[in-house]
Every structure is written in C-alpha cells, then in structure tokens.
Amino acid sequence: MTKAIEGNGKGRIDLLTVPAVAGRERPDGADAPCRIGPPHDDSTVVIAVVVVRGNDEILLALSSGEACDPEWYIPSGDVLPDEDLVTAARRQFRLETSLELRNIRVLSVENYPSLSCNFIRFIVTGDLDGADMSASDGARWFPMTEVKSGRVPLLSNDIASVLDVVQLQCPTKIVPAIPSDPLDHIMIQVGVVIGDRLLFIRDTSSASWRLPTTFADHRLGESIRFAAQRLCVQWLGFMVDVVGVSAIEQGTRHADERRGEQGTLGSRLTVLVKPRDGLESLSNVVDSVLERDLWRWVTQADARQMTDDCATVATVDRLFAGHVVPILSI
C-alpha cells in the first residue's frame, strides 16, 4: 500500500501518523472494508437550537447561575435514546422557552473526541411557531453584537463558534433524516467525489454497492474529519480534503427492558471529501489496493439506479451538488 501512496503524485504519506482501527472493520479474509463492529460505544450527542431574528438578534434561554446571577445560553441538551434530532430539538426548545419550533434544519456539526467519550453537538435552527414571546418567561432576544462583546452574562463562552456559523449565513442547511435501519453507533460514510464521478465500493463481488464506511475512534483522538481522511489513506491509498457533512441520519437502538438492554444513540453522517489528484491517477492507486470488481466510479444517474433507498438517493444528490454544512472539530 505504501508504494501506491507514494505513486499518487503528492509524496509519501506516513501511515504511522494515521490511527489505524481498520482491523476492527475488516473481517478475516475480506478484501474490502465493511461494517462489522465499531471500536467503541461511548457517545454524547447534544442538540443546540439557534433561532435568530433579522440576522442581528438571537434568542437565548435563561439558565440559573451561582448566587442567583442570571446567565443566558442557547437552548441545549442531550439527545435521548429513542429520539431523532427533530424530536430532541423540539423537546429541548419547548422545555427551556415554552415556545414551539418547526422547520428544523442542521447548521453545523461540532465534534470534540476525548479519552472518555465521543462528543458531538448538532447546531440546528428553526422557525418559531407563532411569535408571541409573552408565552415565555425564560427566553429573550439579544443583539448578537452584545453577545459577542461579552456584555451578556453567558453560561458558556463556546457560543462564539455558534455565532460565527450563524453570521456566515451559509445557504446550505440539512434536514436530518431517520434511517431505515436503527443505528447503534456513530457511523461515517465518505463520499469521494471528483468531477462527475462518485466512488462506490462493495465487500464482495456479490454484495451491494455502497459508500465507504468507517467509525471514529475517540480513544485514538479521531474526530469525524480525521476518521474520513484515515479511511481514504488506509483503505484506498490516497489523501483527501474534507469539505463538510452532506447528510445526517439519527436513529437509535430502542431499550429492551425485558432483556435488560438500554437504548443507545446512533448517527450516520455522510462526509463529502475531495481527492488531491485526478481521476486517472486515483484509479491506478485504488486498483493497486482493492480488487477491481470491488470498486467503481459512478455517475449520479448510475448511483441513483444502484439503490432503491430514498435516503441514499437524496444523499447521492447532495454529494454531487456539493451541499454541505461545516464540521467544527479539533
């Protein structure tokens, strides 16, 4: 594999600098990566709701501080097992503001892994279902200039990164989907797009075509962004630049009290990446790493015909259109 990487025109990539958890993703005797087991089951998934008015005011919720000093923050809380992102956002927003939210979309994804857990925060926005603020005793509009200047007492200063994303006024927002299959863990699908081609792989010559998939191992310091790059280097033999997240699916494994099993959180994030070399050069590299019948560059029309899953079709369309939200991470 090292020889293939050296021949991609960008110089040698030292695989020792890339955490390798690929052994947990490849069954014995398999010729391609597949989903058989994640490296961990520790995830903290948080939802944070940002509602703005006129692009210069933000709605903050009151949080009790020490010595009864008022502190403000965006409505935020854990996503609970058995919840999708839309349900979690509505619940948390209603809990903290007594207001209803609709038309919920994801603005950005934050990911900060640590030795103890993989922390992911979804920054979402939405529209107020009615604008009667008299129904809320715990929420107020604040000028974003005052919030950024420090004149508003905040529960945490990490709101600055959220305001930066909001003020960028990115046209792309993602409507989170519920996967057709319940998810146990945080999975990362990688969409390798070059020109009008998308890379599909499969586990065996008789298996279905799909996007390359991996898991981020927080114990090795892997963020979502780093795991996507590691997958391409480790499995496919070339380096990529991460553009952003193109699709988000949030599902759970439901609790089974009779069997003593707790519900778990699960997400599937599709990450758009761009290779640093041309199609012909990449094809030669991949061909030296994977069996020829286990990978294929496909057009958008081909990809749509190769699946009957509506969510996958929508994901493919977003990848080709280049629609992404940013990933904020280490």
Protein backbone atom coordinates (compact mmCIF):
# COMPACT_ATOMS: atom_id res chain seq x y z
CA MET A 1 0.00 0.00 0.00
CA THR A 2 2.89 2.34 0.76
CA LYS A 3 4.10 2.08 -2.83
CA ALA A 4 0.65 3.03 -4.10
CA ILE A 5 0.53 6.04 -1.83
CA GLU A 6 4.00 7.12 -2.90
CA GLY A 7 2.89 6.99 -6.53
CA ASN A 8 -0.05 9.35 -6.23
CA GLY A 9 1.99 12.43 -7.09
CA LYS A 10 1.73 14.07 -3.67
CA GLY A 11 4.69 12.45 -1.92
CA ARG A 12 4.77 9.71 0.65
CA ILE A 13 2.11 9.70 3.36
CA ASP A 14 3.39 8.26 6.62
CA LEU A 15 0.78 5.73 7.71
CA LEU A 16 2.24 5.74 11.21
CA THR A 17 0.71 9.19 11.70
CA VAL A 18 -2.77 7.88 10.87
CA PRO A 19 -4.54 5.97 13.68
CA ALA A 20 -5.40 2.54 12.31
CA VAL A 21 -8.61 0.96 13.52
CA ALA A 22 -9.18 -0.76 10.20
CA GLY A 23 -8.65 -4.19 11.73
CA ARG A 24 -11.95 -3.80 13.52
CA GLU A 25 -13.70 -3.05 10.23
CA ARG A 26 -12.33 -5.88 8.11
CA PRO A 27 -13.49 -9.49 8.70
CA ASP A 28 -10.98 -12.27 8.19
CA GLY A 29 -10.48 -12.97 4.51
CA ALA A 30 -12.38 -9.91 3.29
CA ASP A 31 -10.94 -7.77 0.51
CA ALA A 32 -12.70 -4.52 1.30
CA PRO A 33 -13.77 -2.51 4.36
CA CYS A 34 -17.22 -3.23 5.71
CA ARG A 35 -19.29 -2.52 8.79
CA ILE A 36 -18.84 -5.32 11.28
CA GLY A 37 -18.08 -3.62 14.56
CA PRO A 38 -17.28 -0.17 15.88
CA PRO A 39 -14.30 0.49 18.13
CA HIS A 40 -16.40 1.97 20.92
CA ASP A 41 -19.89 2.52 22.26
CA ASP A 42 -19.37 5.78 24.16
CA SER A 43 -21.12 8.78 22.68
CA THR A 44 -22.51 12.03 23.98
CA VAL A 45 -24.87 13.61 21.45
CA VAL A 46 -26.10 17.13 22.16
CA ILE A 47 -28.60 19.33 20.37
CA ALA A 48 -28.30 23.15 20.43
CA VAL A 49 -31.05 25.33 18.97
CA VAL A 50 -30.21 28.69 17.39
CA VAL A 51 -33.10 31.00 16.47
CA VAL A 52 -32.31 34.41 15.01
CA ARG A 53 -34.42 37.42 14.08
CA GLY A 54 -33.44 39.78 11.33
CA ASN A 55 -29.90 38.35 11.19
CA ASP A 56 -28.85 40.55 14.11
CA GLU A 57 -30.73 39.15 17.14
CA ILE A 58 -30.53 35.74 18.77
CA LEU A 59 -32.93 34.05 21.17
CA LEU A 60 -31.30 32.96 24.44
CA ALA A 61 -32.78 30.99 27.31
CA LEU A 62 -32.31 31.83 30.98
CA SER A 63 -30.12 29.48 32.98
CA SER A 64 -29.72 29.67 36.74
CA GLY A 65 -26.22 30.70 37.76
CA GLU A 66 -24.42 30.72 41.08
CA ALA A 67 -25.77 33.12 43.73
CA CYS A 68 -28.88 33.56 41.60
CA ASP A 69 -26.99 35.57 38.98
CA PRO A 70 -28.82 35.22 35.66
CA GLU A 71 -26.91 33.51 32.88
CA TRP A 72 -28.05 33.02 29.30
CA TYR A 73 -27.40 30.40 26.65
CA ILE A 74 -28.85 28.87 23.53
CA PRO A 75 -31.39 26.12 24.35
CA SER A 76 -29.28 22.96 24.58
CA GLY A 77 -29.44 19.45 25.95
CA ASP A 78 -28.67 15.80 25.40
CA VAL A 79 -30.35 13.82 22.65
CA LEU A 80 -32.06 10.97 24.48
CA PRO A 81 -32.19 7.34 23.38
CA ASP A 82 -35.23 6.69 21.17
CA GLU A 83 -35.12 10.34 19.91
CA ASP A 84 -34.34 11.65 16.47
CA LEU A 85 -32.80 15.11 16.12
CA VAL A 86 -36.04 16.90 15.23
CA THR A 87 -37.86 15.44 18.25
CA ALA A 88 -34.93 16.28 20.53
CA ALA A 89 -34.73 19.88 19.27
CA ARG A 90 -38.44 20.49 19.73
CA ARG A 91 -38.45 18.95 23.20
CA GLN A 92 -35.44 20.90 24.45
CA PHE A 93 -36.62 24.19 22.95
CA ARG A 94 -40.08 23.79 24.46
CA LEU A 95 -38.58 22.86 27.84
CA GLU A 96 -36.38 25.97 28.05
CA THR A 97 -38.53 28.59 26.31
CA SER A 98 -42.14 27.29 26.43
CA LEU A 99 -42.23 28.01 22.69
CA GLU A 100 -42.80 25.69 19.75
CA LEU A 101 -40.31 25.20 16.91
CA ARG A 102 -40.88 23.99 13.36
CA ASN A 103 -38.97 23.54 10.09
CA ILE A 104 -35.84 22.30 11.88
CA ARG A 105 -32.55 22.17 9.93
CA VAL A 106 -28.93 21.48 10.88
CA LEU A 107 -26.47 24.40 10.58
CA SER A 108 -23.23 22.71 11.61
CA VAL A 109 -21.73 19.72 13.40
CA GLU A 110 -19.26 20.03 16.26
CA ASN A 111 -17.10 17.07 17.23
CA TYR A 112 -14.63 17.01 20.12
CA PRO A 113 -13.42 13.49 20.99
CA SER A 114 -11.78 12.72 24.31
CA LEU A 115 -10.49 9.62 26.05
CA SER A 116 -13.80 9.18 27.86
CA CYS A 117 -16.34 9.74 25.07
CA ASN A 118 -17.02 10.97 21.57
CA PHE A 119 -18.80 14.33 21.94
CA ILE A 120 -20.97 15.50 19.05
CA ARG A 121 -23.13 18.61 19.07
CA PHE A 122 -25.62 19.32 16.30
CA ILE A 123 -26.31 23.05 15.87
CA VAL A 124 -29.83 23.39 14.50
CA THR A 125 -32.12 26.23 13.62
CA GLY A 126 -35.84 26.52 13.06
CA ASP A 127 -38.80 28.85 12.86
CA LEU A 128 -40.96 29.92 15.77
CA ASP A 129 -44.48 28.57 15.57
CA GLY A 130 -46.04 31.93 16.36
CA ALA A 131 -44.03 34.90 17.62
CA ASP A 132 -45.85 35.62 20.91
CA MET A 133 -42.96 35.97 23.34
CA SER A 134 -45.37 36.62 26.21
CA ALA A 135 -45.74 32.86 26.48
CA SER A 136 -42.10 32.56 27.52
CA ASP A 137 -40.72 33.71 30.85
CA GLY A 138 -37.32 32.17 30.25
CA ALA A 139 -36.27 33.49 26.83
CA ARG A 140 -35.23 36.88 25.43
CA TRP A 141 -33.95 38.37 22.20
CA PHE A 142 -30.40 39.76 22.42
CA PRO A 143 -28.41 41.72 19.81
CA MET A 144 -25.65 39.43 18.56
CA THR A 145 -23.16 42.29 18.89
CA GLU A 146 -23.82 42.43 22.64
CA VAL A 147 -23.49 38.67 22.98
CA LYS A 148 -20.17 38.62 21.13
CA SER A 149 -18.82 41.62 23.05
CA GLY A 150 -19.31 39.89 26.41
CA ARG A 151 -21.94 42.29 27.73
CA VAL A 152 -24.43 39.44 28.13
CA PRO A 153 -23.64 37.02 31.02
CA LEU A 154 -23.38 33.61 29.37
CA LEU A 155 -23.41 30.12 30.82
CA SER A 156 -20.50 29.25 28.48
CA ASN A 157 -18.37 31.23 26.07
CA ASP A 158 -18.38 28.45 23.48
CA ILE A 159 -21.39 30.20 21.95
CA ALA A 160 -18.89 32.27 19.93
CA SER A 161 -18.33 29.46 17.42
CA VAL A 162 -22.09 29.12 17.01
CA LEU A 163 -22.49 32.82 16.28
CA ASP A 164 -19.72 32.65 13.70
CA VAL A 165 -21.60 29.93 11.81
CA VAL A 166 -24.89 31.85 12.05
CA GLN A 167 -23.37 35.09 10.78
CA LEU A 168 -21.77 33.33 7.83
CA GLN A 169 -25.36 32.91 6.59
CA CYS A 170 -24.47 29.67 4.82
CA PRO A 171 -27.17 28.86 2.27
CA THR A 172 -26.92 25.12 2.93
CA LYS A 173 -28.87 23.56 5.76
CA ILE A 174 -29.60 19.86 6.28
CA VAL A 175 -32.95 18.41 7.22
CA PRO A 176 -31.98 15.46 9.47
CA ALA A 177 -33.45 12.13 8.45
CA ILE A 178 -34.41 9.00 10.35
CA PRO A 179 -32.56 5.95 8.99
CA SER A 180 -34.47 2.95 7.73
CA ASP A 181 -32.34 0.73 9.99
CA PRO A 182 -31.81 1.62 13.68
CA LEU A 183 -28.23 2.65 14.38
CA ASP A 184 -26.22 1.69 17.46
CA HIS A 185 -23.16 3.87 16.93
CA ILE A 186 -21.76 6.92 15.18
CA MET A 187 -21.03 5.85 11.61
CA ILE A 188 -19.25 7.89 8.96
CA GLN A 189 -19.99 7.43 5.25
CA VAL A 190 -17.42 9.01 2.97
CA GLY A 191 -18.48 10.45 -0.37
CA VAL A 192 -15.38 10.66 -2.60
CA VAL A 193 -16.39 12.95 -5.46
CA ILE A 194 -14.16 14.01 -8.33
CA GLY A 195 -15.75 15.84 -11.25
CA ASP A 196 -18.91 13.94 -12.21
CA ARG A 197 -17.87 10.69 -10.54
CA LEU A 198 -18.55 9.21 -7.10
CA LEU A 199 -16.68 6.25 -5.62
CA PHE A 200 -18.74 3.18 -4.74
CA ILE A 201 -17.34 0.03 -3.14
CA ARG A 202 -18.66 -3.35 -2.08
CA ASP A 203 -17.49 -6.05 0.31
CA THR A 204 -17.61 -8.97 -2.15
CA SER A 205 -18.33 -9.40 -5.84
CA SER A 206 -21.92 -10.39 -5.00
CA ALA A 207 -22.59 -7.71 -2.35
CA SER A 208 -24.49 -4.44 -2.84
CA TRP A 209 -22.67 -1.26 -3.82
CA ARG A 210 -22.32 1.41 -1.16
CA LEU A 211 -20.24 4.32 0.08
CA PRO A 212 -17.04 3.59 2.07
CA THR A 213 -17.91 3.50 5.78
CA THR A 214 -15.93 3.77 9.00
CA PHE A 215 -16.14 4.70 12.68
CA ALA A 216 -14.25 7.41 14.54
CA ASP A 217 -12.27 6.02 17.47
CA HIS A 218 -12.21 8.74 20.13
CA ARG A 219 -9.71 6.76 22.20
CA LEU A 220 -7.16 7.39 19.47
CA GLY A 221 -8.14 11.04 19.20
CA GLU A 222 -10.05 10.60 15.95
CA SER A 223 -12.52 13.31 15.03
CA ILE A 224 -15.08 12.80 12.26
CA ARG A 225 -12.87 14.77 9.88
CA PHE A 226 -9.74 12.76 10.73
CA ALA A 227 -11.54 9.41 10.50
CA ALA A 228 -12.75 10.24 6.98
CA GLN A 229 -9.19 11.04 5.92
CA ARG A 230 -7.83 7.95 7.64
CA LEU A 231 -10.31 5.74 5.80
CA CYS A 232 -9.19 7.07 2.42
CA VAL A 233 -5.50 6.69 3.25
CA GLN A 234 -5.81 3.33 4.99
CA TRP A 235 -8.18 1.62 2.59
CA LEU A 236 -7.99 3.45 -0.71
CA GLY A 237 -4.41 4.72 -0.81
CA PHE A 238 -4.90 8.46 -1.32
CA MET A 239 -5.31 11.61 0.75
CA VAL A 240 -8.38 13.85 0.61
CA ASP A 241 -9.59 17.22 1.84
CA VAL A 242 -12.79 17.19 3.89
CA VAL A 243 -15.43 19.62 2.60
CA GLY A 244 -18.22 19.08 5.14
CA VAL A 245 -21.24 16.97 6.08
CA SER A 246 -23.74 16.32 3.29
CA ALA A 247 -26.33 14.22 5.09
CA ILE A 248 -27.29 13.35 8.66
CA GLU A 249 -29.36 10.41 9.83
CA GLN A 250 -30.11 9.94 13.51
CA GLY A 251 -31.51 6.68 14.82
CA THR A 252 -31.40 4.56 17.94
CA ARG A 253 -31.48 1.04 19.24
CA HIS A 254 -34.57 1.02 21.43
CA ALA A 255 -34.40 -0.12 25.02
CA ASP A 256 -35.50 -3.67 25.76
CA GLU A 257 -36.37 -3.79 29.45
CA ARG A 258 -37.21 -7.48 29.34
CA ARG A 259 -33.65 -8.28 28.27
CA GLY A 260 -32.09 -5.63 30.49
CA GLU A 261 -30.81 -3.63 27.49
CA GLN A 262 -30.65 0.15 27.46
CA GLY A 263 -31.36 2.26 24.42
CA THR A 264 -28.33 3.64 22.57
CA LEU A 265 -27.69 6.61 20.36
CA GLY A 266 -26.71 6.22 16.74
CA SER A 267 -25.90 8.58 13.88
CA ARG A 268 -24.82 8.19 10.28
CA LEU A 269 -23.01 11.21 8.89
CA THR A 270 -22.13 11.38 5.20
CA VAL A 271 -18.95 13.39 4.70
CA LEU A 272 -18.04 14.92 1.34
CA VAL A 273 -14.31 14.72 0.53
CA LYS A 274 -12.27 15.87 -2.45
CA PRO A 275 -9.17 13.94 -3.59
CA ARG A 276 -5.99 15.85 -4.36
CA ASP A 277 -5.27 14.03 -7.64
CA GLY A 278 -7.02 13.43 -10.95
CA LEU A 279 -9.37 10.57 -11.79
CA GLU A 280 -6.87 8.53 -13.79
CA SER A 281 -4.17 8.75 -11.13
CA LEU A 282 -6.63 7.83 -8.38
CA SER A 283 -7.94 4.86 -10.35
CA ASN A 284 -4.43 3.46 -10.62
CA VAL A 285 -3.90 3.89 -6.89
CA VAL A 286 -7.20 2.27 -5.87
CA ASP A 287 -6.65 -0.55 -8.35
CA SER A 288 -3.42 -1.41 -6.58
CA VAL A 289 -5.17 -1.58 -3.20
CA LEU A 290 -8.58 -3.17 -3.88
CA GLU A 291 -9.70 -5.93 -6.20
CA ARG A 292 -11.00 -4.45 -9.45
CA ASP A 293 -14.55 -5.79 -9.07
CA LEU A 294 -14.92 -4.25 -5.58
CA TRP A 295 -14.82 -0.56 -6.56
CA ARG A 296 -16.29 1.65 -9.25
CA TRP A 297 -16.50 5.32 -10.22
CA VAL A 298 -20.18 6.04 -10.93
CA THR A 299 -22.14 8.94 -12.34
CA GLN A 300 -25.06 10.50 -10.49
CA ALA A 301 -27.54 8.65 -12.74
CA ASP A 302 -25.71 5.36 -12.17
CA ALA A 303 -25.67 5.85 -8.41
CA ARG A 304 -29.40 6.58 -8.29
CA GLN A 305 -30.12 3.37 -10.20
CA MET A 306 -27.91 1.27 -7.93
CA THR A 307 -30.11 1.78 -4.86
CA ASP A 308 -33.82 1.75 -4.10
CA ASP A 309 -33.40 3.52 -0.75
CA CYS A 310 -34.82 7.06 -0.88
CA ALA A 311 -32.42 8.34 1.79
CA THR A 312 -29.42 7.06 -0.17
CA VAL A 313 -30.70 8.68 -3.36
CA ALA A 314 -31.09 12.01 -1.55
CA THR A 315 -27.57 11.66 -0.10
CA VAL A 316 -26.09 10.98 -3.54
CA ASP A 317 -27.81 14.06 -4.96
CA ARG A 318 -26.43 16.23 -2.16
CA LEU A 319 -22.91 14.88 -2.67
CA PHE A 320 -22.92 15.68 -6.37
CA ALA A 321 -24.42 19.12 -5.70
CA GLY A 322 -21.72 19.84 -3.12
CA HIS A 323 -24.29 20.77 -0.45
CA VAL A 324 -22.62 20.60 2.97
CA VAL A 325 -22.66 22.10 6.44
CA PRO A 326 -19.35 22.73 8.24
CA ILE A 327 -17.67 20.39 10.71
CA LEU A 328 -16.09 22.16 13.69
CA SER A 329 -13.59 19.92 15.44
CA ILE A 330 -10.00 19.52 16.55
